[in-house]
Amino acid sequence: MSLQDKIVCVTGASSGIGAACVEVFAAAGARLLVCARRSDRLHELVAGLTGKGVEAHAFQLDVRDRDAVSEAFESLPKEWSEIDLLLNNAGLSRGLEPLQDGLIDDWDEMLQTNVQGLLYVSRAVLPGMVARGRGHVINIGSIAGREVYPKGAVYCASKHAVGAITAGMRLDLNGTGVKVSTVDPGLVNTEFSRVRFHGDQDRADQTYQGMTPLSGADVAASVLWVAQQPEHVNVAEVLLFPADQAAATVVHRRS
């Protein structure tokens, strides 16, 4: 699909994979509808895009807030209301402890963002796509949605839910003209680990020690490839690893 002048909505657009996806979609000629919790970063992002001649519209949004999600999408300016592609990117991990030691607030934040937030945004956008008979939803999953690893039970559960929702969404939308895909990365060096470890940069850096992880740009390139397939082609799933990774917990690290 040519993305020229298509409206692409990216959640969690202010950093990491989301920001990288915004850049590649902008380069492909799309109009960018971007949202995230951090409004200051959003304004910087949009200023950079418009400075390059890219059409962009930003709004602050916490996807965990059901009413805010509904209001935000219902009140979009008419020229931004017909979304062609939705990238459900907003997500996070918190903590890496055995279940019996986990923080319930961390669990709530992960499940509310990764699962409920994805559902709220999808529910707000999909009816319009179905009514128009076209559209594409790409969900950012994770290897954690395919494997469970020690001390990651709740995060893995949230990403397994994303996988199940994606599969169910594809079934429910079959025949409507709306495609559904997921891109599931392994280790990606973004703010992910710093967020997981509540700002502990030293511990976050250890996640990628001795190996070469993916970058946000690597994931964005795969997302763009999925989005640019012809209308009759749906890339249902992409599993993307750095060359040093073979499974969730199998990583080659050089001394």
C-alpha atoms as a PDB file:
ATOM      1  CA  MET A   1       0.000   0.000   0.000  1.00  0.00           C
ATOM      2  CA  SER A   2       1.282   3.447  -0.828  1.00  0.00           C
ATOM      3  CA  LEU A   3       1.354   5.543   2.316  1.00  0.00           C
ATOM      4  CA  GLN A   4       1.388   8.842   0.463  1.00  0.00           C
ATOM      5  CA  ASP A   5      -1.154  11.143   2.156  1.00  0.00           C
ATOM      6  CA  LYS A   6      -2.519   8.264   4.287  1.00  0.00           C
ATOM      7  CA  ILE A   7      -3.339   9.063   7.921  1.00  0.00           C
ATOM      8  CA  VAL A   8      -1.164   6.964  10.220  1.00  0.00           C
ATOM      9  CA  CYS A   9      -1.957   7.079  13.943  1.00  0.00           C
ATOM     10  CA  VAL A  10       0.868   6.110  16.301  1.00  0.00           C
ATOM     11  CA  THR A  11       0.328   5.662  20.037  1.00  0.00           C
ATOM     12  CA  GLY A  12       3.280   5.992  22.387  1.00  0.00           C
ATOM     13  CA  ALA A  13       4.876   8.153  19.702  1.00  0.00           C
ATOM     14  CA  SER A  14       7.135  10.290  21.880  1.00  0.00           C
ATOM     15  CA  SER A  15      10.120   7.932  22.137  1.00  0.00           C
ATOM     16  CA  GLY A  16      11.654   4.587  21.226  1.00  0.00           C
ATOM     17  CA  ILE A  17       9.948   2.396  18.643  1.00  0.00           C
ATOM     18  CA  GLY A  18       7.027   4.798  18.343  1.00  0.00           C
ATOM     19  CA  ALA A  19       9.197   7.805  17.501  1.00  0.00           C
ATOM     20  CA  ALA A  20      11.244   5.717  15.050  1.00  0.00           C
ATOM     21  CA  CYS A  21       8.051   4.589  13.322  1.00  0.00           C
ATOM     22  CA  VAL A  22       6.881   8.186  13.044  1.00  0.00           C
ATOM     23  CA  GLU A  23      10.111   9.037  11.206  1.00  0.00           C
ATOM     24  CA  VAL A  24       9.825   6.222   8.647  1.00  0.00           C
ATOM     25  CA  PHE A  25       6.133   6.831   8.000  1.00  0.00           C
ATOM     26  CA  ALA A  26       6.822  10.540   7.534  1.00  0.00           C
ATOM     27  CA  ALA A  27       9.566   9.728   5.029  1.00  0.00           C
ATOM     28  CA  ALA A  28       7.050   7.528   3.175  1.00  0.00           C
ATOM     29  CA  GLY A  29       4.725  10.496   2.715  1.00  0.00           C
ATOM     30  CA  ALA A  30       2.129   9.703   5.385  1.00  0.00           C
ATOM     31  CA  ARG A  31       0.224  12.234   7.433  1.00  0.00           C
ATOM     32  CA  LEU A  32       1.063  11.612  11.090  1.00  0.00           C
ATOM     33  CA  LEU A  33      -1.471  11.548  13.917  1.00  0.00           C
ATOM     34  CA  VAL A  34       0.628  11.098  17.047  1.00  0.00           C
ATOM     35  CA  CYS A  35      -0.207  10.705  20.715  1.00  0.00           C
ATOM     36  CA  ALA A  36       1.588   9.916  23.960  1.00  0.00           C
ATOM     37  CA  ARG A  37       1.533  10.811  27.631  1.00  0.00           C
ATOM     38  CA  ARG A  38       4.436  13.277  27.441  1.00  0.00           C
ATOM     39  CA  SER A  39       3.068  16.341  25.680  1.00  0.00           C
ATOM     40  CA  ASP A  40       6.392  18.213  25.712  1.00  0.00           C
ATOM     41  CA  ARG A  41       8.054  15.497  23.653  1.00  0.00           C
ATOM     42  CA  LEU A  42       5.072  15.345  21.321  1.00  0.00           C
ATOM     43  CA  HIS A  43       5.319  19.054  20.586  1.00  0.00           C
ATOM     44  CA  GLU A  44       9.037  18.685  19.853  1.00  0.00           C
ATOM     45  CA  LEU A  45       8.298  15.744  17.566  1.00  0.00           C
ATOM     46  CA  VAL A  46       5.607  17.596  15.625  1.00  0.00           C
ATOM     47  CA  ALA A  47       7.740  20.727  15.347  1.00  0.00           C
ATOM     48  CA  GLY A  48      10.492  18.626  13.779  1.00  0.00           C
ATOM     49  CA  LEU A  49       8.053  16.995  11.360  1.00  0.00           C
ATOM     50  CA  THR A  50       6.340  20.177  10.253  1.00  0.00           C
ATOM     51  CA  GLY A  51       9.761  21.771   9.807  1.00  0.00           C
ATOM     52  CA  LYS A  52      10.373  19.099   7.168  1.00  0.00           C
ATOM     53  CA  GLY A  53       7.044  19.756   5.467  1.00  0.00           C
ATOM     54  CA  VAL A  54       5.261  16.740   6.984  1.00  0.00           C
ATOM     55  CA  GLU A  55       1.602  17.078   7.922  1.00  0.00           C
ATOM     56  CA  ALA A  56       1.235  16.143  11.593  1.00  0.00           C
ATOM     57  CA  HIS A  57      -1.290  16.491  14.388  1.00  0.00           C
ATOM     58  CA  ALA A  58      -0.548  15.644  18.026  1.00  0.00           C
ATOM     59  CA  PHE A  59      -2.645  15.132  21.116  1.00  0.00           C
ATOM     60  CA  GLN A  60      -1.702  14.144  24.645  1.00  0.00           C
ATOM     61  CA  LEU A  61      -3.195  10.795  25.655  1.00  0.00           C
ATOM     62  CA  ASP A  62      -2.837   8.203  28.379  1.00  0.00           C
ATOM     63  CA  VAL A  63      -4.250   5.087  26.736  1.00  0.00           C
ATOM     64  CA  ARG A  64      -5.168   3.681  30.154  1.00  0.00           C
ATOM     65  CA  ASP A  65      -7.893   6.319  30.515  1.00  0.00           C
ATOM     66  CA  ARG A  66     -10.939   4.894  28.744  1.00  0.00           C
ATOM     67  CA  ASP A  67     -12.935   8.131  28.754  1.00  0.00           C
ATOM     68  CA  ALA A  68      -9.964  10.173  27.558  1.00  0.00           C
ATOM     69  CA  VAL A  69      -9.381   7.752  24.678  1.00  0.00           C
ATOM     70  CA  SER A  70     -13.005   7.953  23.559  1.00  0.00           C
ATOM     71  CA  GLU A  71     -13.087  11.734  23.830  1.00  0.00           C
ATOM     72  CA  ALA A  72      -9.780  12.191  22.012  1.00  0.00           C
ATOM     73  CA  PHE A  73     -10.764  10.172  18.963  1.00  0.00           C
ATOM     74  CA  GLU A  74     -14.332  11.465  18.855  1.00  0.00           C
ATOM     75  CA  SER A  75     -13.102  15.068  18.894  1.00  0.00           C
ATOM     76  CA  LEU A  76     -10.441  14.769  16.189  1.00  0.00           C
ATOM     77  CA  PRO A  77     -10.641  17.488  13.525  1.00  0.00           C
ATOM     78  CA  LYS A  78     -12.566  16.194  10.522  1.00  0.00           C
ATOM     79  CA  GLU A  79      -9.460  16.235   8.336  1.00  0.00           C
ATOM     80  CA  TRP A  80      -7.762  13.806  10.774  1.00  0.00           C
ATOM     81  CA  SER A  81     -10.699  11.541  11.569  1.00  0.00           C
ATOM     82  CA  GLU A  82     -10.385   8.935   8.793  1.00  0.00           C
ATOM     83  CA  ILE A  83      -7.437   6.900  10.068  1.00  0.00           C
ATOM     84  CA  ASP A  84      -5.929   4.551   7.486  1.00  0.00           C
ATOM     85  CA  LEU A  85      -3.388   2.814   9.690  1.00  0.00           C
ATOM     86  CA  LEU A  86      -3.327   2.413  13.464  1.00  0.00           C
ATOM     87  CA  LEU A  87      -0.047   1.488  15.108  1.00  0.00           C
ATOM     88  CA  ASN A  88      -0.763   0.300  18.643  1.00  0.00           C
ATOM     89  CA  ASN A  89       2.706   0.923  20.046  1.00  0.00           C
ATOM     90  CA  ALA A  90       2.059   2.303  23.549  1.00  0.00           C
ATOM     91  CA  GLY A  91       3.331  -0.211  26.078  1.00  0.00           C
ATOM     92  CA  LEU A  92       5.824  -0.783  28.864  1.00  0.00           C
ATOM     93  CA  SER A  93       7.306  -3.209  31.332  1.00  0.00           C
ATOM     94  CA  ARG A  94       7.743  -2.643  35.053  1.00  0.00           C
ATOM     95  CA  GLY A  95       9.900  -4.748  37.344  1.00  0.00           C
ATOM     96  CA  LEU A  96      11.730  -8.034  37.004  1.00  0.00           C
ATOM     97  CA  GLU A  97      11.010  -9.992  40.157  1.00  0.00           C
ATOM     98  CA  PRO A  98       9.562 -13.398  40.999  1.00  0.00           C
ATOM     99  CA  LEU A  99       5.783 -13.236  41.060  1.00  0.00           C
ATOM    100  CA  GLN A 100       5.702 -13.585  44.833  1.00  0.00           C
ATOM    101  CA  ASP A 101       7.811 -10.421  45.170  1.00  0.00           C
ATOM    102  CA  GLY A 102       6.177  -8.368  42.411  1.00  0.00           C
ATOM    103  CA  LEU A 103       4.693  -4.929  42.982  1.00  0.00           C
ATOM    104  CA  ILE A 104       0.964  -4.837  42.320  1.00  0.00           C
ATOM    105  CA  ASP A 105       1.170  -1.239  41.116  1.00  0.00           C
ATOM    106  CA  ASP A 106       3.635  -2.423  38.461  1.00  0.00           C
ATOM    107  CA  TRP A 107       1.241  -5.177  37.405  1.00  0.00           C
ATOM    108  CA  ASP A 108      -1.645  -2.738  37.134  1.00  0.00           C
ATOM    109  CA  GLU A 109       0.354  -0.318  35.005  1.00  0.00           C
ATOM    110  CA  MET A 110       1.466  -3.036  32.591  1.00  0.00           C
ATOM    111  CA  LEU A 111      -1.939  -4.630  32.183  1.00  0.00           C
ATOM    112  CA  GLN A 112      -3.759  -1.312  31.905  1.00  0.00           C
ATOM    113  CA  THR A 113      -1.335   0.041  29.299  1.00  0.00           C
ATOM    114  CA  ASN A 114      -0.439  -3.034  27.262  1.00  0.00           C
ATOM    115  CA  VAL A 115      -3.850  -4.706  27.226  1.00  0.00           C
ATOM    116  CA  GLN A 116      -6.640  -2.327  28.156  1.00  0.00           C
ATOM    117  CA  GLY A 117      -5.034   0.642  26.412  1.00  0.00           C
ATOM    118  CA  LEU A 118      -4.660  -1.291  23.176  1.00  0.00           C
ATOM    119  CA  LEU A 119      -8.292  -2.366  23.415  1.00  0.00           C
ATOM    120  CA  TYR A 120      -9.585   1.138  24.150  1.00  0.00           C
ATOM    121  CA  VAL A 121      -7.755   2.691  21.196  1.00  0.00           C
ATOM    122  CA  SER A 122      -8.686  -0.133  18.835  1.00  0.00           C
ATOM    123  CA  ARG A 123     -12.343   0.122  19.846  1.00  0.00           C
ATOM    124  CA  ALA A 124     -12.282   3.848  19.125  1.00  0.00           C
ATOM    125  CA  VAL A 125     -10.671   3.530  15.681  1.00  0.00           C
ATOM    126  CA  LEU A 126     -11.948   0.268  14.200  1.00  0.00           C
ATOM    127  CA  PRO A 127     -15.615   1.208  13.575  1.00  0.00           C
ATOM    128  CA  GLY A 128     -14.525   3.947  11.182  1.00  0.00           C
ATOM    129  CA  MET A 129     -12.221   1.587   9.316  1.00  0.00           C
ATOM    130  CA  VAL A 130     -14.983  -1.002   8.994  1.00  0.00           C
ATOM    131  CA  ALA A 131     -17.466   1.605   7.780  1.00  0.00           C
ATOM    132  CA  ARG A 132     -14.996   2.743   5.095  1.00  0.00           C
ATOM    133  CA  GLY A 133     -14.133  -0.843   4.144  1.00  0.00           C
ATOM    134  CA  ARG A 134     -10.390  -0.358   4.503  1.00  0.00           C
ATOM    135  CA  GLY A 135      -7.654   0.047   7.073  1.00  0.00           C
ATOM    136  CA  HIS A 136      -4.753  -1.647   8.791  1.00  0.00           C
ATOM    137  CA  VAL A 137      -3.994  -2.235  12.469  1.00  0.00           C
ATOM    138  CA  ILE A 138      -0.419  -3.100  13.423  1.00  0.00           C
ATOM    139  CA  ASN A 139       0.175  -4.078  17.032  1.00  0.00           C
ATOM    140  CA  ILE A 140       3.632  -3.994  18.577  1.00  0.00           C
ATOM    141  CA  GLY A 141       3.973  -7.248  20.468  1.00  0.00           C
ATOM    142  CA  SER A 142       7.108  -8.913  21.840  1.00  0.00           C
ATOM    143  CA  ILE A 143       8.974 -12.185  22.058  1.00  0.00           C
ATOM    144  CA  ALA A 144       7.455 -12.071  25.567  1.00  0.00           C
ATOM    145  CA  GLY A 145       4.122 -12.729  23.867  1.00  0.00           C
ATOM    146  CA  ARG A 146       5.460 -16.030  22.524  1.00  0.00           C
ATOM    147  CA  GLU A 147       7.643 -17.243  25.419  1.00  0.00           C
ATOM    148  CA  VAL A 148       7.524 -16.860  29.194  1.00  0.00           C
ATOM    149  CA  TYR A 149      10.753 -16.160  31.021  1.00  0.00           C
ATOM    150  CA  PRO A 150      11.648 -16.178  34.740  1.00  0.00           C
ATOM    151  CA  LYS A 151      10.572 -13.082  36.696  1.00  0.00           C
ATOM    152  CA  GLY A 152       8.525 -11.802  33.760  1.00  0.00           C
ATOM    153  CA  ALA A 153       5.189 -13.499  34.371  1.00  0.00           C
ATOM    154  CA  VAL A 154       2.943 -10.444  34.283  1.00  0.00           C
ATOM    155  CA  TYR A 155       4.702  -8.645  31.437  1.00  0.00           C
ATOM    156  CA  CYS A 156       4.704 -11.874  29.427  1.00  0.00           C
ATOM    157  CA  ALA A 157       1.022 -12.347  30.234  1.00  0.00           C
ATOM    158  CA  SER A 158       0.264  -8.844  28.949  1.00  0.00           C
ATOM    159  CA  LYS A 159       2.087  -9.503  25.680  1.00  0.00           C
ATOM    160  CA  HIS A 160       0.501 -12.944  25.303  1.00  0.00           C
ATOM    161  CA  ALA A 161      -2.792 -11.064  25.600  1.00  0.00           C
ATOM    162  CA  VAL A 162      -1.711  -8.749  22.782  1.00  0.00           C
ATOM    163  CA  GLY A 163      -1.057 -11.822  20.649  1.00  0.00           C
ATOM    164  CA  ALA A 164      -4.476 -13.267  21.440  1.00  0.00           C
ATOM    165  CA  ILE A 165      -6.235  -9.962  20.822  1.00  0.00           C
ATOM    166  CA  THR A 166      -4.418  -9.580  17.507  1.00  0.00           C
ATOM    167  CA  ALA A 167      -5.465 -13.060  16.379  1.00  0.00           C
ATOM    168  CA  GLY A 168      -9.054 -12.500  17.520  1.00  0.00           C
ATOM    169  CA  MET A 169      -9.166  -9.092  15.865  1.00  0.00           C
ATOM    170  CA  ARG A 170      -8.025 -10.636  12.585  1.00  0.00           C
ATOM    171  CA  LEU A 171     -10.829 -13.198  12.790  1.00  0.00           C
ATOM    172  CA  ASP A 172     -13.468 -10.623  13.675  1.00  0.00           C
ATOM    173  CA  LEU A 173     -12.401  -8.270  10.886  1.00  0.00           C
ATOM    174  CA  ASN A 174     -12.109 -10.897   8.182  1.00  0.00           C
ATOM    175  CA  GLY A 175     -14.075  -9.748   5.161  1.00  0.00           C
ATOM    176  CA  THR A 176     -14.285  -6.099   6.258  1.00  0.00           C
ATOM    177  CA  GLY A 177     -11.279  -4.877   4.280  1.00  0.00           C
ATOM    178  CA  VAL A 178      -9.313  -4.179   7.477  1.00  0.00           C
ATOM    179  CA  LYS A 179      -5.970  -5.969   7.896  1.00  0.00           C
ATOM    180  CA  VAL A 180      -4.400  -6.874  11.244  1.00  0.00           C
ATOM    181  CA  SER A 181      -0.714  -7.551  11.873  1.00  0.00           C
ATOM    182  CA  THR A 182       1.741  -7.847  14.730  1.00  0.00           C
ATOM    183  CA  VAL A 183       5.462  -7.113  14.897  1.00  0.00           C
ATOM    184  CA  ASP A 184       7.129  -8.908  17.805  1.00  0.00           C
ATOM    185  CA  PRO A 185      10.682  -7.759  18.602  1.00  0.00           C
ATOM    186  CA  GLY A 186      13.285  -9.322  20.836  1.00  0.00           C
ATOM    187  CA  LEU A 187      15.817  -7.126  22.635  1.00  0.00           C
ATOM    188  CA  VAL A 188      15.540  -3.488  21.535  1.00  0.00           C
ATOM    189  CA  ASN A 189      17.691  -0.774  23.063  1.00  0.00           C
ATOM    190  CA  THR A 190      15.213   2.022  23.827  1.00  0.00           C
ATOM    191  CA  GLU A 191      13.927   3.455  27.109  1.00  0.00           C
ATOM    192  CA  PHE A 192      12.256   0.070  27.717  1.00  0.00           C
ATOM    193  CA  SER A 193      14.728  -1.293  30.265  1.00  0.00           C
ATOM    194  CA  ARG A 194      15.172   2.016  32.074  1.00  0.00           C
ATOM    195  CA  VAL A 195      11.392   2.177  32.501  1.00  0.00           C
ATOM    196  CA  ARG A 196      11.305  -1.475  33.588  1.00  0.00           C
ATOM    197  CA  PHE A 197      13.890  -0.793  36.282  1.00  0.00           C
ATOM    198  CA  HIS A 198      12.295   2.466  37.436  1.00  0.00           C
ATOM    199  CA  GLY A 199      15.063   4.700  36.121  1.00  0.00           C
ATOM    200  CA  ASP A 200      18.052   2.542  37.112  1.00  0.00           C
ATOM    201  CA  GLN A 201      20.237   3.185  34.055  1.00  0.00           C
ATOM    202  CA  ASP A 202      23.093   0.932  35.195  1.00  0.00           C
ATOM    203  CA  ARG A 203      20.766  -2.033  35.524  1.00  0.00           C
ATOM    204  CA  ALA A 204      19.124  -1.169  32.222  1.00  0.00           C
ATOM    205  CA  ASP A 205      22.496  -1.119  30.462  1.00  0.00           C
ATOM    206  CA  GLN A 206      23.257  -4.626  31.714  1.00  0.00           C
ATOM    207  CA  THR A 207      20.330  -5.917  29.639  1.00  0.00           C
ATOM    208  CA  TYR A 208      22.302  -5.247  26.453  1.00  0.00           C
ATOM    209  CA  GLN A 209      25.814  -5.870  27.774  1.00  0.00           C
ATOM    210  CA  GLY A 210      28.105  -7.859  25.455  1.00  0.00           C
ATOM    211  CA  MET A 211      25.606  -8.068  22.575  1.00  0.00           C
ATOM    212  CA  THR A 212      24.209  -5.888  19.826  1.00  0.00           C
ATOM    213  CA  PRO A 213      20.476  -5.290  20.329  1.00  0.00           C
ATOM    214  CA  LEU A 214      17.947  -4.040  17.827  1.00  0.00           C
ATOM    215  CA  SER A 215      17.347  -0.311  17.601  1.00  0.00           C
ATOM    216  CA  GLY A 216      14.007   1.418  17.350  1.00  0.00           C
ATOM    217  CA  ALA A 217      14.868   2.116  13.710  1.00  0.00           C
ATOM    218  CA  ASP A 218      15.309  -1.617  13.037  1.00  0.00           C
ATOM    219  CA  VAL A 219      11.808  -2.327  14.310  1.00  0.00           C
ATOM    220  CA  ALA A 220      10.390   0.660  12.448  1.00  0.00           C
ATOM    221  CA  ALA A 221      11.814  -0.665   9.171  1.00  0.00           C
ATOM    222  CA  SER A 222       9.906  -3.923   9.668  1.00  0.00           C
ATOM    223  CA  VAL A 223       6.703  -2.095  10.597  1.00  0.00           C
ATOM    224  CA  LEU A 224       6.990   0.021   7.445  1.00  0.00           C
ATOM    225  CA  TRP A 225       7.517  -3.099   5.320  1.00  0.00           C
ATOM    226  CA  VAL A 226       4.363  -4.656   6.778  1.00  0.00           C
ATOM    227  CA  ALA A 227       2.408  -1.466   6.128  1.00  0.00           C
ATOM    228  CA  GLN A 228       3.559  -1.145   2.511  1.00  0.00           C
ATOM    229  CA  GLN A 229       2.383  -4.538   1.296  1.00  0.00           C
ATOM    230  CA  PRO A 230      -0.297  -4.579  -1.432  1.00  0.00           C
ATOM    231  CA  GLU A 231      -3.917  -4.461  -0.325  1.00  0.00           C
ATOM    232  CA  HIS A 232      -4.391  -8.201  -0.939  1.00  0.00           C
ATOM    233  CA  VAL A 233      -1.337  -9.133   1.178  1.00  0.00           C
ATOM    234  CA  ASN A 234      -1.465  -9.238   4.971  1.00  0.00           C
ATOM    235  CA  VAL A 235       1.741  -9.982   6.854  1.00  0.00           C
ATOM    236  CA  ALA A 236       0.048 -11.455   9.897  1.00  0.00           C
ATOM    237  CA  GLU A 237       3.107 -11.843  12.133  1.00  0.00           C
ATOM    238  CA  VAL A 238       6.735 -10.733  12.206  1.00  0.00           C
ATOM    239  CA  LEU A 239       9.204 -12.052  14.789  1.00  0.00           C
ATOM    240  CA  LEU A 240      12.296  -9.861  14.827  1.00  0.00           C
ATOM    241  CA  PHE A 241      15.498 -10.738  16.703  1.00  0.00           C
ATOM    242  CA  PRO A 242      18.956  -9.222  16.870  1.00  0.00           C
ATOM    243  CA  ALA A 243      21.454 -11.695  15.419  1.00  0.00           C
ATOM    244  CA  ASP A 244      22.824 -12.295  18.934  1.00  0.00           C
ATOM    245  CA  GLN A 245      19.435 -13.543  20.188  1.00  0.00           C
ATOM    246  CA  ALA A 246      17.857 -16.934  19.510  1.00  0.00           C
ATOM    247  CA  ALA A 247      15.042 -16.990  22.101  1.00  0.00           C
ATOM    248  CA  ALA A 248      13.752 -14.857  24.936  1.00  0.00           C
ATOM    249  CA  THR A 249      16.539 -15.965  27.288  1.00  0.00           C
ATOM    250  CA  VAL A 250      19.105 -17.283  24.804  1.00  0.00           C
ATOM    251  CA  VAL A 251      21.459 -14.421  23.999  1.00  0.00           C
ATOM    252  CA  HIS A 252      25.085 -14.610  22.853  1.00  0.00           C
ATOM    253  CA  ARG A 253      27.152 -12.172  24.892  1.00  0.00           C
ATOM    254  CA  ARG A 254      30.763 -11.406  24.093  1.00  0.00           C
ATOM    255  CA  SER A 255      33.143 -10.927  27.008  1.00  0.00           C
END
